[in-house]
Amino acid sequence: MYVSDHAVLRYIERVIGLDVEAVRVKIASPTVQKAVDFGCETVVLGTGQRIILHGDVAVTVLPKGARGTR
């Protein structure tokens, strides 16, 4: 059996009770929006994780110390 990412996300949201929209707002912070405005491809958070941007879309968050590759 395979469990899709969509199913995992909905489980976290609907069973565990995590507010997914609040997480979305946190990712799209004013600092990240400013990076988008400047055309940045990566935002390093103060905690060391990296938000990877493609245009004006945050496509993933990498763990502390990880580097994105293209």
C-alpha atoms as a PDB file:
ATOM      1  CA  MET A   1       0.000   0.000   0.000  1.00  0.00           C
ATOM      2  CA  TYR A   2       1.146   3.514  -0.817  1.00  0.00           C
ATOM      3  CA  VAL A   3      -0.028   6.555   1.159  1.00  0.00           C
ATOM      4  CA  SER A   4       0.043   9.751  -0.909  1.00  0.00           C
ATOM      5  CA  ASP A   5       1.437  13.044   0.371  1.00  0.00           C
ATOM      6  CA  HIS A   6      -2.085  14.444   0.004  1.00  0.00           C
ATOM      7  CA  ALA A   7      -3.465  11.784   2.357  1.00  0.00           C
ATOM      8  CA  VAL A   8      -0.688  12.457   4.881  1.00  0.00           C
ATOM      9  CA  LEU A   9      -1.363  16.194   4.766  1.00  0.00           C
ATOM     10  CA  ARG A  10      -5.116  15.706   5.226  1.00  0.00           C
ATOM     11  CA  TYR A  11      -4.489  13.307   8.136  1.00  0.00           C
ATOM     12  CA  ILE A  12      -2.230  15.853   9.816  1.00  0.00           C
ATOM     13  CA  GLU A  13      -4.820  18.543   9.220  1.00  0.00           C
ATOM     14  CA  ARG A  14      -8.019  16.665  10.054  1.00  0.00           C
ATOM     15  CA  VAL A  15      -6.980  14.013  12.572  1.00  0.00           C
ATOM     16  CA  ILE A  16      -4.013  15.529  14.377  1.00  0.00           C
ATOM     17  CA  GLY A  17      -5.518  19.009  14.086  1.00  0.00           C
ATOM     18  CA  LEU A  18      -2.663  21.033  12.626  1.00  0.00           C
ATOM     19  CA  ASP A  19      -3.830  24.290  11.030  1.00  0.00           C
ATOM     20  CA  VAL A  20      -2.333  23.915   7.538  1.00  0.00           C
ATOM     21  CA  GLU A  21      -3.426  27.413   6.486  1.00  0.00           C
ATOM     22  CA  ALA A  22      -1.565  28.916   9.472  1.00  0.00           C
ATOM     23  CA  VAL A  23       1.566  27.080   8.316  1.00  0.00           C
ATOM     24  CA  ARG A  24       1.056  28.446   4.796  1.00  0.00           C
ATOM     25  CA  VAL A  25       0.824  32.001   6.204  1.00  0.00           C
ATOM     26  CA  LYS A  26       3.987  31.448   8.247  1.00  0.00           C
ATOM     27  CA  ILE A  27       5.911  30.252   5.163  1.00  0.00           C
ATOM     28  CA  ALA A  28       4.660  33.245   3.139  1.00  0.00           C
ATOM     29  CA  SER A  29       6.024  35.702   5.694  1.00  0.00           C
ATOM     30  CA  PRO A  30       6.854  39.300   4.734  1.00  0.00           C
ATOM     31  CA  THR A  31      10.552  38.358   4.688  1.00  0.00           C
ATOM     32  CA  VAL A  32       9.961  35.519   2.223  1.00  0.00           C
ATOM     33  CA  GLN A  33       7.714  37.773   0.114  1.00  0.00           C
ATOM     34  CA  LYS A  34      10.527  40.351  -0.032  1.00  0.00           C
ATOM     35  CA  ALA A  35      12.901  37.596  -1.240  1.00  0.00           C
ATOM     36  CA  VAL A  36      10.358  36.716  -3.946  1.00  0.00           C
ATOM     37  CA  ASP A  37      10.172  40.386  -4.947  1.00  0.00           C
ATOM     38  CA  PHE A  38      13.968  40.444  -5.316  1.00  0.00           C
ATOM     39  CA  GLY A  39      13.943  37.255  -7.418  1.00  0.00           C
ATOM     40  CA  CYS A  40      15.694  35.060  -4.855  1.00  0.00           C
ATOM     41  CA  GLU A  41      15.582  31.288  -5.269  1.00  0.00           C
ATOM     42  CA  THR A  42      16.353  30.395  -1.647  1.00  0.00           C
ATOM     43  CA  VAL A  43      15.538  31.860   1.743  1.00  0.00           C
ATOM     44  CA  VAL A  44      17.576  30.648   4.722  1.00  0.00           C
ATOM     45  CA  LEU A  45      15.518  30.762   7.899  1.00  0.00           C
ATOM     46  CA  GLY A  46      17.035  31.826  11.207  1.00  0.00           C
ATOM     47  CA  THR A  47      16.706  28.209  12.317  1.00  0.00           C
ATOM     48  CA  GLY A  48      18.845  27.025   9.372  1.00  0.00           C
ATOM     49  CA  GLN A  49      16.184  25.459   7.135  1.00  0.00           C
ATOM     50  CA  ARG A  50      15.894  26.685   3.543  1.00  0.00           C
ATOM     51  CA  ILE A  51      12.741  27.626   1.664  1.00  0.00           C
ATOM     52  CA  ILE A  52      13.212  26.940  -2.047  1.00  0.00           C
ATOM     53  CA  LEU A  53      11.394  29.312  -4.375  1.00  0.00           C
ATOM     54  CA  HIS A  54      10.498  28.954  -8.047  1.00  0.00           C
ATOM     55  CA  GLY A  55       9.267  32.362  -9.070  1.00  0.00           C
ATOM     56  CA  ASP A  56       6.605  33.327  -6.566  1.00  0.00           C
ATOM     57  CA  VAL A  57       5.989  29.739  -5.373  1.00  0.00           C
ATOM     58  CA  ALA A  58       7.569  28.191  -2.278  1.00  0.00           C
ATOM     59  CA  VAL A  59       8.110  24.659  -3.570  1.00  0.00           C
ATOM     60  CA  THR A  60       9.820  22.962  -0.628  1.00  0.00           C
ATOM     61  CA  VAL A  61      11.545  23.447   2.693  1.00  0.00           C
ATOM     62  CA  LEU A  62      14.903  21.746   3.141  1.00  0.00           C
ATOM     63  CA  PRO A  63      16.241  20.643   6.523  1.00  0.00           C
ATOM     64  CA  LYS A  64      19.012  22.524   8.286  1.00  0.00           C
ATOM     65  CA  GLY A  65      22.322  21.972   6.526  1.00  0.00           C
ATOM     66  CA  ALA A  66      20.812  20.594   3.305  1.00  0.00           C
ATOM     67  CA  ARG A  67      21.570  22.184  -0.041  1.00  0.00           C
ATOM     68  CA  GLY A  68      19.171  22.293  -2.973  1.00  0.00           C
ATOM     69  CA  THR A  69      20.474  21.119  -6.332  1.00  0.00           C
ATOM     70  CA  ARG A  70      19.313  21.915  -9.832  1.00  0.00           C
END
